Amino acid sequence: MGLPTAELNNIDADVIIGATCQLIQEEYPGQRLIVATTNVKHLSRFISAKQWNQIN
C-alpha cells in the first residue's frame, strides 16, 4: 500500500514530476538533478528537491 500524495480525483503533479525526473536521471547517469520547489516535503519522497534559494 502506497502513501497518497493527492486526492483520488486530482491529477498528482508530484508523481508526474518525480517520474519525469527519474527518466531524465536514467538517460543522463551521473548528472545531478534537483527540483526547485516550494513543496519539498512531497517531492523529496521521490527525487532530490529543495527550496530554490537553498540550491547552490
N, C-alpha and C. Protein backbone atom coordinates (compact mmCIF):
# COMPACT_ATOMS: atom_id res chain seq x y z
N MET A 1 0.85 -1.18 0.00
CA MET A 1 0.00 0.00 0.00
C MET A 1 0.89 1.24 0.00
N GLY A 2 0.66 2.12 -0.94
CA GLY A 2 1.46 3.34 -1.06
C GLY A 2 0.87 4.47 -0.23
N LEU A 3 1.62 5.55 -0.17
CA LEU A 3 1.15 6.74 0.52
C LEU A 3 0.56 7.70 -0.51
N PRO A 4 -0.68 8.12 -0.34
CA PRO A 4 -1.28 9.03 -1.31
C PRO A 4 -0.61 10.40 -1.25
N THR A 5 -0.49 11.03 -2.42
CA THR A 5 0.08 12.37 -2.48
C THR A 5 -0.92 13.39 -3.02
N ALA A 6 -2.11 12.93 -3.38
CA ALA A 6 -3.17 13.82 -3.87
C ALA A 6 -4.51 13.16 -3.63
N GLU A 7 -5.56 13.95 -3.70
CA GLU A 7 -6.91 13.41 -3.59
C GLU A 7 -7.18 12.47 -4.75
N LEU A 8 -8.07 11.53 -4.57
CA LEU A 8 -8.36 10.50 -5.56
C LEU A 8 -8.70 11.06 -6.94
N ASN A 9 -9.47 12.14 -7.00
CA ASN A 9 -9.91 12.69 -8.28
C ASN A 9 -9.00 13.78 -8.84
N ASN A 10 -7.87 14.06 -8.20
CA ASN A 10 -6.96 15.11 -8.66
C ASN A 10 -5.79 14.52 -9.43
N ILE A 11 -5.28 15.30 -10.37
CA ILE A 11 -4.04 14.91 -11.05
C ILE A 11 -2.91 15.08 -10.05
N ASP A 12 -2.05 14.08 -9.95
CA ASP A 12 -0.97 14.11 -8.98
C ASP A 12 0.31 14.62 -9.63
N ALA A 13 0.48 15.93 -9.60
CA ALA A 13 1.64 16.56 -10.23
C ALA A 13 2.94 16.11 -9.59
N ASP A 14 2.96 15.84 -8.28
CA ASP A 14 4.18 15.40 -7.62
C ASP A 14 4.70 14.11 -8.24
N VAL A 15 3.83 13.18 -8.50
CA VAL A 15 4.23 11.90 -9.08
C VAL A 15 4.68 12.10 -10.53
N ILE A 16 4.00 12.96 -11.27
CA ILE A 16 4.38 13.23 -12.65
C ILE A 16 5.77 13.87 -12.70
N ILE A 17 6.02 14.85 -11.86
CA ILE A 17 7.34 15.50 -11.80
C ILE A 17 8.40 14.50 -11.37
N GLY A 18 8.10 13.71 -10.35
CA GLY A 18 9.06 12.71 -9.87
C GLY A 18 9.41 11.68 -10.93
N ALA A 19 8.41 11.19 -11.64
CA ALA A 19 8.65 10.19 -12.68
C ALA A 19 9.45 10.78 -13.83
N THR A 20 9.15 12.01 -14.21
CA THR A 20 9.90 12.67 -15.28
C THR A 20 11.36 12.84 -14.89
N CYS A 21 11.61 13.24 -13.66
CA CYS A 21 13.00 13.41 -13.20
C CYS A 21 13.73 12.08 -13.14
N GLN A 22 13.06 11.03 -12.75
CA GLN A 22 13.70 9.71 -12.73
C GLN A 22 14.07 9.27 -14.14
N LEU A 23 13.22 9.55 -15.12
CA LEU A 23 13.54 9.22 -16.51
C LEU A 23 14.75 10.02 -16.99
N ILE A 24 14.82 11.29 -16.63
CA ILE A 24 15.96 12.13 -17.01
C ILE A 24 17.24 11.58 -16.38
N GLN A 25 17.18 11.18 -15.11
CA GLN A 25 18.36 10.64 -14.44
C GLN A 25 18.82 9.34 -15.08
N GLU A 26 17.89 8.52 -15.54
CA GLU A 26 18.26 7.29 -16.23
C GLU A 26 18.95 7.59 -17.56
N GLU A 27 18.48 8.63 -18.24
CA GLU A 27 19.04 8.98 -19.54
C GLU A 27 20.41 9.65 -19.40
N TYR A 28 20.64 10.35 -18.30
CA TYR A 28 21.90 11.06 -18.06
C TYR A 28 22.50 10.63 -16.72
N PRO A 29 22.98 9.39 -16.62
CA PRO A 29 23.51 8.91 -15.34
C PRO A 29 24.71 9.74 -14.88
N GLY A 30 24.79 9.93 -13.59
CA GLY A 30 25.89 10.68 -13.01
C GLY A 30 25.65 12.17 -12.93
N GLN A 31 24.61 12.66 -13.58
CA GLN A 31 24.29 14.09 -13.53
C GLN A 31 23.47 14.39 -12.29
N ARG A 32 23.71 15.53 -11.69
CA ARG A 32 22.98 15.95 -10.50
C ARG A 32 21.68 16.63 -10.93
N LEU A 33 20.57 16.19 -10.40
CA LEU A 33 19.28 16.77 -10.73
C LEU A 33 18.55 17.09 -9.43
N ILE A 34 18.22 18.35 -9.25
CA ILE A 34 17.48 18.80 -8.07
C ILE A 34 16.30 19.62 -8.55
N VAL A 35 15.13 19.33 -8.03
CA VAL A 35 13.93 20.10 -8.39
C VAL A 35 13.79 21.26 -7.42
N ALA A 36 13.66 22.47 -7.97
CA ALA A 36 13.40 23.65 -7.16
C ALA A 36 11.90 23.75 -6.94
N THR A 37 11.48 23.79 -5.68
CA THR A 37 10.05 23.74 -5.38
C THR A 37 9.75 24.39 -4.04
N THR A 38 8.51 24.72 -3.83
CA THR A 38 8.04 25.13 -2.51
C THR A 38 7.39 23.95 -1.80
N ASN A 39 7.35 22.81 -2.48
CA ASN A 39 6.71 21.61 -1.96
C ASN A 39 7.75 20.51 -1.71
N VAL A 40 8.78 20.84 -0.96
CA VAL A 40 9.89 19.91 -0.72
C VAL A 40 9.41 18.63 -0.03
N LYS A 41 8.53 18.76 0.91
CA LYS A 41 8.07 17.60 1.69
C LYS A 41 7.51 16.49 0.80
N HIS A 42 6.67 16.84 -0.14
CA HIS A 42 6.06 15.82 -1.00
C HIS A 42 7.02 15.33 -2.07
N LEU A 43 7.72 16.24 -2.75
CA LEU A 43 8.58 15.84 -3.86
C LEU A 43 9.81 15.06 -3.41
N SER A 44 10.33 15.36 -2.23
CA SER A 44 11.54 14.68 -1.78
C SER A 44 11.30 13.20 -1.47
N ARG A 45 10.05 12.78 -1.48
CA ARG A 45 9.76 11.34 -1.33
C ARG A 45 10.17 10.58 -2.58
N PHE A 46 10.25 11.28 -3.72
CA PHE A 46 10.53 10.64 -5.00
C PHE A 46 11.90 11.01 -5.57
N ILE A 47 12.32 12.25 -5.37
CA ILE A 47 13.52 12.79 -6.01
C ILE A 47 14.18 13.80 -5.09
N SER A 48 15.35 14.27 -5.49
CA SER A 48 16.03 15.32 -4.74
C SER A 48 15.31 16.64 -5.00
N ALA A 49 14.84 17.29 -3.93
CA ALA A 49 14.09 18.54 -4.06
C ALA A 49 14.50 19.49 -2.95
N LYS A 50 14.61 20.77 -3.30
CA LYS A 50 14.98 21.81 -2.33
C LYS A 50 14.26 23.10 -2.67
N GLN A 51 14.18 23.99 -1.67
CA GLN A 51 13.72 25.34 -1.93
C GLN A 51 14.70 25.98 -2.91
N TRP A 52 14.23 26.81 -3.82
CA TRP A 52 15.10 27.37 -4.86
C TRP A 52 16.29 28.11 -4.27
N ASN A 53 16.10 28.80 -3.15
CA ASN A 53 17.20 29.58 -2.57
C ASN A 53 18.19 28.74 -1.78
N GLN A 54 17.97 27.43 -1.68
CA GLN A 54 18.90 26.54 -0.99
C GLN A 54 19.74 25.72 -1.97
N ILE A 55 19.55 25.95 -3.25
CA ILE A 55 20.31 25.22 -4.27
C ILE A 55 21.53 26.06 -4.65
N ASN A 56 22.69 25.43 -4.58
CA ASN A 56 23.91 26.15 -4.96
C ASN A 56 24.75 25.33 -5.89
